[in-house]
PDB file of N, CA and C in Angstrom:
ATOM      1  N   MET A   1       0.879  -1.183   0.000  1.00  0.00           N
ATOM      2  CA  MET A   1      -0.076  -0.083   0.008  1.00  0.00           C
ATOM      3  C   MET A   1       0.897   1.264   0.065  1.00  0.00           C
ATOM      4  N   LEU A   2       0.448   2.185  -0.774  1.00  0.00           N
ATOM      5  CA  LEU A   2       1.150   3.512  -0.745  1.00  0.00           C
ATOM      6  C   LEU A   2       0.412   4.548   0.045  1.00  0.00           C
ATOM      7  N   GLU A   3       1.186   5.509   0.579  1.00  0.00           N
ATOM      8  CA  GLU A   3       0.559   6.547   1.472  1.00  0.00           C
ATOM      9  C   GLU A   3       0.342   7.809   0.520  1.00  0.00           C
ATOM     10  N   TYR A   4      -0.767   8.315   0.657  1.00  0.00           N
ATOM     11  CA  TYR A   4      -1.154   9.581  -0.085  1.00  0.00           C
ATOM     12  C   TYR A   4      -1.801  10.472   0.951  1.00  0.00           C
ATOM     13  N   ARG A   5      -1.812  11.806   0.594  1.00  0.00           N
ATOM     14  CA  ARG A   5      -2.508  12.755   1.381  1.00  0.00           C
ATOM     15  C   ARG A   5      -3.354  13.661   0.532  1.00  0.00           C
ATOM     16  N   ALA A   6      -4.521  13.840   0.823  1.00  0.00           N
ATOM     17  CA  ALA A   6      -5.426  14.666   0.167  1.00  0.00           C
ATOM     18  C   ALA A   6      -5.641  15.947   1.022  1.00  0.00           C
ATOM     19  N   TYR A   7      -5.385  17.058   0.393  1.00  0.00           N
ATOM     20  CA  TYR A   7      -5.576  18.318   1.048  1.00  0.00           C
ATOM     21  C   TYR A   7      -6.852  19.039   0.540  1.00  0.00           C
ATOM     22  N   LEU A   8      -7.723  19.393   1.448  1.00  0.00           N
ATOM     23  CA  LEU A   8      -8.906  20.196   1.074  1.00  0.00           C
ATOM     24  C   LEU A   8      -8.476  21.669   1.074  1.00  0.00           C
ATOM     25  N   ILE A   9      -8.620  22.415   0.108  1.00  0.00           N
ATOM     26  CA  ILE A   9      -8.233  23.752  -0.168  1.00  0.00           C
ATOM     27  C   ILE A   9      -9.397  24.680  -0.012  1.00  0.00           C
ATOM     28  N   GLY A  10      -9.178  25.678   0.921  1.00  0.00           N
ATOM     29  CA  GLY A  10     -10.323  26.682   1.102  1.00  0.00           C
ATOM     30  C   GLY A  10     -10.401  27.753  -0.061  1.00  0.00           C
ATOM     31  N   ARG A  11     -11.324  28.502  -0.119  1.00  0.00           N
ATOM     32  CA  ARG A  11     -11.506  29.499  -1.094  1.00  0.00           C
ATOM     33  C   ARG A  11     -10.309  30.594  -1.049  1.00  0.00           C
ATOM     34  N   ASP A  12      -9.701  30.722   0.065  1.00  0.00           N
ATOM     35  CA  ASP A  12      -8.514  31.612   0.186  1.00  0.00           C
ATOM     36  C   ASP A  12      -7.236  30.986  -0.146  1.00  0.00           C
ATOM     37  N   GLY A  13      -7.331  29.730  -0.611  1.00  0.00           N
ATOM     38  CA  GLY A  13      -6.120  28.990  -1.214  1.00  0.00           C
ATOM     39  C   GLY A  13      -5.229  28.395  -0.085  1.00  0.00           C
ATOM     40  N   HIS A  14      -5.739  28.367   1.083  1.00  0.00           N
ATOM     41  CA  HIS A  14      -5.052  27.704   2.287  1.00  0.00           C
ATOM     42  C   HIS A  14      -5.676  26.335   2.564  1.00  0.00           C
ATOM     43  N   ILE A  15      -4.813  25.460   3.114  1.00  0.00           N
ATOM     44  CA  ILE A  15      -5.211  24.049   3.417  1.00  0.00           C
ATOM     45  C   ILE A  15      -6.172  24.168   4.581  1.00  0.00           C
ATOM     46  N   MET A  16      -7.308  23.530   4.484  1.00  0.00           N
ATOM     47  CA  MET A  16      -8.362  23.500   5.540  1.00  0.00           C
ATOM     48  C   MET A  16      -8.285  22.215   6.322  1.00  0.00           C
ATOM     49  N   HIS A  17      -8.008  21.076   5.543  1.00  0.00           N
ATOM     50  CA  HIS A  17      -8.014  19.849   6.108  1.00  0.00           C
ATOM     51  C   HIS A  17      -7.127  18.853   5.394  1.00  0.00           C
ATOM     52  N   ARG A  18      -6.543  17.850   6.071  1.00  0.00           N
ATOM     53  CA  ARG A  18      -5.729  16.794   5.360  1.00  0.00           C
ATOM     54  C   ARG A  18      -6.292  15.530   5.693  1.00  0.00           C
ATOM     55  N   VAL A  19      -6.336  14.685   4.714  1.00  0.00           N
ATOM     56  CA  VAL A  19      -6.889  13.275   4.745  1.00  0.00           C
ATOM     57  C   VAL A  19      -5.913  12.368   4.312  1.00  0.00           C
ATOM     58  N   GLU A  20      -5.572  11.330   5.183  1.00  0.00           N
ATOM     59  CA  GLU A  20      -4.523  10.367   4.825  1.00  0.00           C
ATOM     60  C   GLU A  20      -5.281   9.258   4.112  1.00  0.00           C
ATOM     61  N   ILE A  21      -4.678   8.760   2.957  1.00  0.00           N
ATOM     62  CA  ILE A  21      -5.228   7.786   2.099  1.00  0.00           C
ATOM     63  C   ILE A  21      -4.182   6.736   1.857  1.00  0.00           C
ATOM     64  N   LEU A  22      -4.535   5.510   2.026  1.00  0.00           N
ATOM     65  CA  LEU A  22      -3.716   4.276   1.732  1.00  0.00           C
ATOM     66  C   LEU A  22      -4.361   3.622   0.509  1.00  0.00           C
ATOM     67  N   CYS A  23      -3.551   3.530  -0.597  1.00  0.00           N
ATOM     68  CA  CYS A  23      -4.102   2.701  -1.746  1.00  0.00           C
ATOM     69  C   CYS A  23      -2.932   2.017  -2.555  1.00  0.00           C
ATOM     70  N   ASP A  24      -3.359   1.184  -3.409  1.00  0.00           N
ATOM     71  CA  ASP A  24      -2.356   0.389  -4.170  1.00  0.00           C
ATOM     72  C   ASP A  24      -1.692   1.144  -5.233  1.00  0.00           C
ATOM     73  N   ASP A  25      -2.378   2.196  -5.856  1.00  0.00           N
ATOM     74  CA  ASP A  25      -1.684   2.949  -6.889  1.00  0.00           C
ATOM     75  C   ASP A  25      -2.392   4.344  -7.032  1.00  0.00           C
ATOM     76  N   ASP A  26      -1.802   5.146  -7.914  1.00  0.00           N
ATOM     77  CA  ASP A  26      -2.302   6.439  -8.118  1.00  0.00           C
ATOM     78  C   ASP A  26      -3.721   6.494  -8.507  1.00  0.00           C
ATOM     79  N   GLU A  27      -4.143   5.713  -9.463  1.00  0.00           N
ATOM     80  CA  GLU A  27      -5.593   5.624  -9.940  1.00  0.00           C
ATOM     81  C   GLU A  27      -6.558   5.441  -8.814  1.00  0.00           C
ATOM     82  N   ALA A  28      -6.305   4.488  -7.993  1.00  0.00           N
ATOM     83  CA  ALA A  28      -7.159   4.126  -6.839  1.00  0.00           C
ATOM     84  C   ALA A  28      -7.162   5.397  -5.866  1.00  0.00           C
ATOM     85  N   ALA A  29      -6.031   5.953  -5.600  1.00  0.00           N
ATOM     86  CA  ALA A  29      -5.980   7.175  -4.765  1.00  0.00           C
ATOM     87  C   ALA A  29      -6.772   8.341  -5.370  1.00  0.00           C
ATOM     88  N   LYS A  30      -6.672   8.489  -6.653  1.00  0.00           N
ATOM     89  CA  LYS A  30      -7.490   9.507  -7.362  1.00  0.00           C
ATOM     90  C   LYS A  30      -8.967   9.374  -7.181  1.00  0.00           C
ATOM     91  N   GLU A  31      -9.359   8.143  -7.257  1.00  0.00           N
ATOM     92  CA  GLU A  31     -10.852   7.806  -7.152  1.00  0.00           C
ATOM     93  C   GLU A  31     -11.299   8.157  -5.721  1.00  0.00           C
ATOM     94  N   ARG A  32     -10.471   7.857  -4.751  1.00  0.00           N
ATOM     95  CA  ARG A  32     -10.788   8.202  -3.349  1.00  0.00           C
ATOM     96  C   ARG A  32     -10.780   9.688  -3.110  1.00  0.00           C
ATOM     97  N   ALA A  33      -9.840  10.432  -3.606  1.00  0.00           N
ATOM     98  CA  ALA A  33      -9.689  11.794  -3.409  1.00  0.00           C
ATOM     99  C   ALA A  33     -10.825  12.574  -4.102  1.00  0.00           C
ATOM    100  N   LEU A  34     -11.367  12.027  -5.219  1.00  0.00           N
ATOM    101  CA  LEU A  34     -12.325  12.686  -5.899  1.00  0.00           C
ATOM    102  C   LEU A  34     -13.655  12.741  -5.125  1.00  0.00           C
ATOM    103  N   LEU A  35     -13.859  11.679  -4.327  1.00  0.00           N
ATOM    104  CA  LEU A  35     -14.973  11.678  -3.397  1.00  0.00           C
ATOM    105  C   LEU A  35     -15.043  12.752  -2.390  1.00  0.00           C
ATOM    106  N   LEU A  36     -13.895  13.434  -2.101  1.00  0.00           N
ATOM    107  CA  LEU A  36     -13.734  14.428  -1.184  1.00  0.00           C
ATOM    108  C   LEU A  36     -14.137  15.784  -1.634  1.00  0.00           C
ATOM    109  N   VAL A  37     -14.259  15.944  -3.002  1.00  0.00           N
ATOM    110  CA  VAL A  37     -14.575  17.211  -3.610  1.00  0.00           C
ATOM    111  C   VAL A  37     -16.087  17.565  -3.358  1.00  0.00           C
ATOM    112  N   ASP A  38     -16.199  18.476  -2.424  1.00  0.00           N
ATOM    113  CA  ASP A  38     -17.580  18.957  -2.019  1.00  0.00           C
ATOM    114  C   ASP A  38     -17.529  20.311  -1.594  1.00  0.00           C
ATOM    115  N   GLY A  39     -17.402  21.257  -2.577  1.00  0.00           N
ATOM    116  CA  GLY A  39     -17.415  22.664  -2.156  1.00  0.00           C
ATOM    117  C   GLY A  39     -15.939  23.152  -1.957  1.00  0.00           C
ATOM    118  N   HIS A  40     -14.915  22.212  -2.045  1.00  0.00           N
ATOM    119  CA  HIS A  40     -13.493  22.637  -1.901  1.00  0.00           C
ATOM    120  C   HIS A  40     -12.626  21.945  -2.976  1.00  0.00           C
ATOM    121  N   THR A  41     -11.584  22.653  -3.390  1.00  0.00           N
ATOM    122  CA  THR A  41     -10.645  22.004  -4.323  1.00  0.00           C
ATOM    123  C   THR A  41      -9.908  20.944  -3.470  1.00  0.00           C
ATOM    124  N   VAL A  42      -9.620  19.860  -4.065  1.00  0.00           N
ATOM    125  CA  VAL A  42      -8.761  18.764  -3.446  1.00  0.00           C
ATOM    126  C   VAL A  42      -7.456  18.665  -4.222  1.00  0.00           C
ATOM    127  N   GLU A  43      -6.324  18.621  -3.446  1.00  0.00           N
ATOM    128  CA  GLU A  43      -4.977  18.240  -4.056  1.00  0.00           C
ATOM    129  C   GLU A  43      -4.558  16.913  -3.505  1.00  0.00           C
ATOM    130  N   LEU A  44      -4.120  16.108  -4.357  1.00  0.00           N
ATOM    131  CA  LEU A  44      -3.620  14.732  -4.059  1.00  0.00           C
ATOM    132  C   LEU A  44      -2.183  14.657  -4.115  1.00  0.00           C
ATOM    133  N   TRP A  45      -1.510  14.309  -3.084  1.00  0.00           N
ATOM    134  CA  TRP A  45      -0.055  14.197  -2.971  1.00  0.00           C
ATOM    135  C   TRP A  45       0.431  12.826  -2.407  1.00  0.00           C
ATOM    136  N   GLN A  46       1.570  12.399  -3.065  1.00  0.00           N
ATOM    137  CA  GLN A  46       2.269  11.212  -2.452  1.00  0.00           C
ATOM    138  C   GLN A  46       3.695  11.781  -2.139  1.00  0.00           C
ATOM    139  N   GLY A  47       3.860  11.935  -0.918  1.00  0.00           N
ATOM    140  CA  GLY A  47       5.130  12.639  -0.479  1.00  0.00           C
ATOM    141  C   GLY A  47       5.228  14.049  -1.009  1.00  0.00           C
ATOM    142  N   THR A  48       6.356  14.224  -1.824  1.00  0.00           N
ATOM    143  CA  THR A  48       6.536  15.607  -2.438  1.00  0.00           C
ATOM    144  C   THR A  48       5.988  15.717  -3.853  1.00  0.00           C
ATOM    145  N   ARG A  49       5.340  14.552  -4.323  1.00  0.00           N
ATOM    146  CA  ARG A  49       4.905  14.484  -5.715  1.00  0.00           C
ATOM    147  C   ARG A  49       3.396  14.818  -5.749  1.00  0.00           C
ATOM    148  N   LYS A  50       3.077  15.874  -6.495  1.00  0.00           N
ATOM    149  CA  LYS A  50       1.647  16.167  -6.614  1.00  0.00           C
ATOM    150  C   LYS A  50       1.137  15.257  -7.769  1.00  0.00           C
ATOM    151  N   VAL A  51       0.074  14.490  -7.274  1.00  0.00           N
ATOM    152  CA  VAL A  51      -0.545  13.446  -8.206  1.00  0.00           C
ATOM    153  C   VAL A  51      -1.572  14.110  -9.053  1.00  0.00           C
ATOM    154  N   ALA A  52      -2.516  14.905  -8.453  1.00  0.00           N
ATOM    155  CA  ALA A  52      -3.687  15.455  -9.083  1.00  0.00           C
ATOM    156  C   ALA A  52      -4.309  16.554  -8.357  1.00  0.00           C
ATOM    157  N   THR A  53      -5.073  17.301  -9.074  1.00  0.00           N
ATOM    158  CA  THR A  53      -5.836  18.486  -8.482  1.00  0.00           C
ATOM    159  C   THR A  53      -7.234  18.292  -9.000  1.00  0.00           C
ATOM    160  N   PHE A  54      -8.228  18.247  -8.066  1.00  0.00           N
ATOM    161  CA  PHE A  54      -9.597  18.188  -8.405  1.00  0.00           C
ATOM    162  C   PHE A  54     -10.253  19.495  -8.036  1.00  0.00           C
ATOM    163  N   PRO A  55     -10.779  20.329  -9.035  1.00  0.00           N
ATOM    164  CA  PRO A  55     -11.411  21.596  -8.693  1.00  0.00           C
ATOM    165  C   PRO A  55     -12.719  21.399  -7.937  1.00  0.00           C
ATOM    166  N   THR A  56     -13.082  22.465  -7.193  1.00  0.00           N
ATOM    167  CA  THR A  56     -14.327  22.345  -6.565  1.00  0.00           C
ATOM    168  C   THR A  56     -15.540  22.231  -7.526  1.00  0.00           C
ATOM    169  N   ARG A  57     -16.525  21.573  -7.075  1.00  0.00           N
ATOM    170  CA  ARG A  57     -17.851  21.554  -7.815  1.00  0.00           C
ATOM    171  C   ARG A  57     -18.878  22.295  -7.106  1.00  0.00           C
ATOM    172  N   HIS A  58     -19.533  23.250  -7.644  1.00  0.00           N
ATOM    173  CA  HIS A  58     -20.533  24.052  -6.922  1.00  0.00           C
ATOM    174  C   HIS A  58     -21.913  23.438  -7.151  1.00  0.00           C
TER     175      HIS A  58
END
């Protein structure tokens, strides 16, 4: 399992919350992080590598 972090980004561009995610690969982590998009942009990271950004859905 690989360790990922999903950061929920507020409208001011600052991190509001961090969610730890354990998944087998990037694709599985992206699917999990996408579920967190609810009025906030979500950035998915594995260590210092940015995996994806999911913009907010209004």
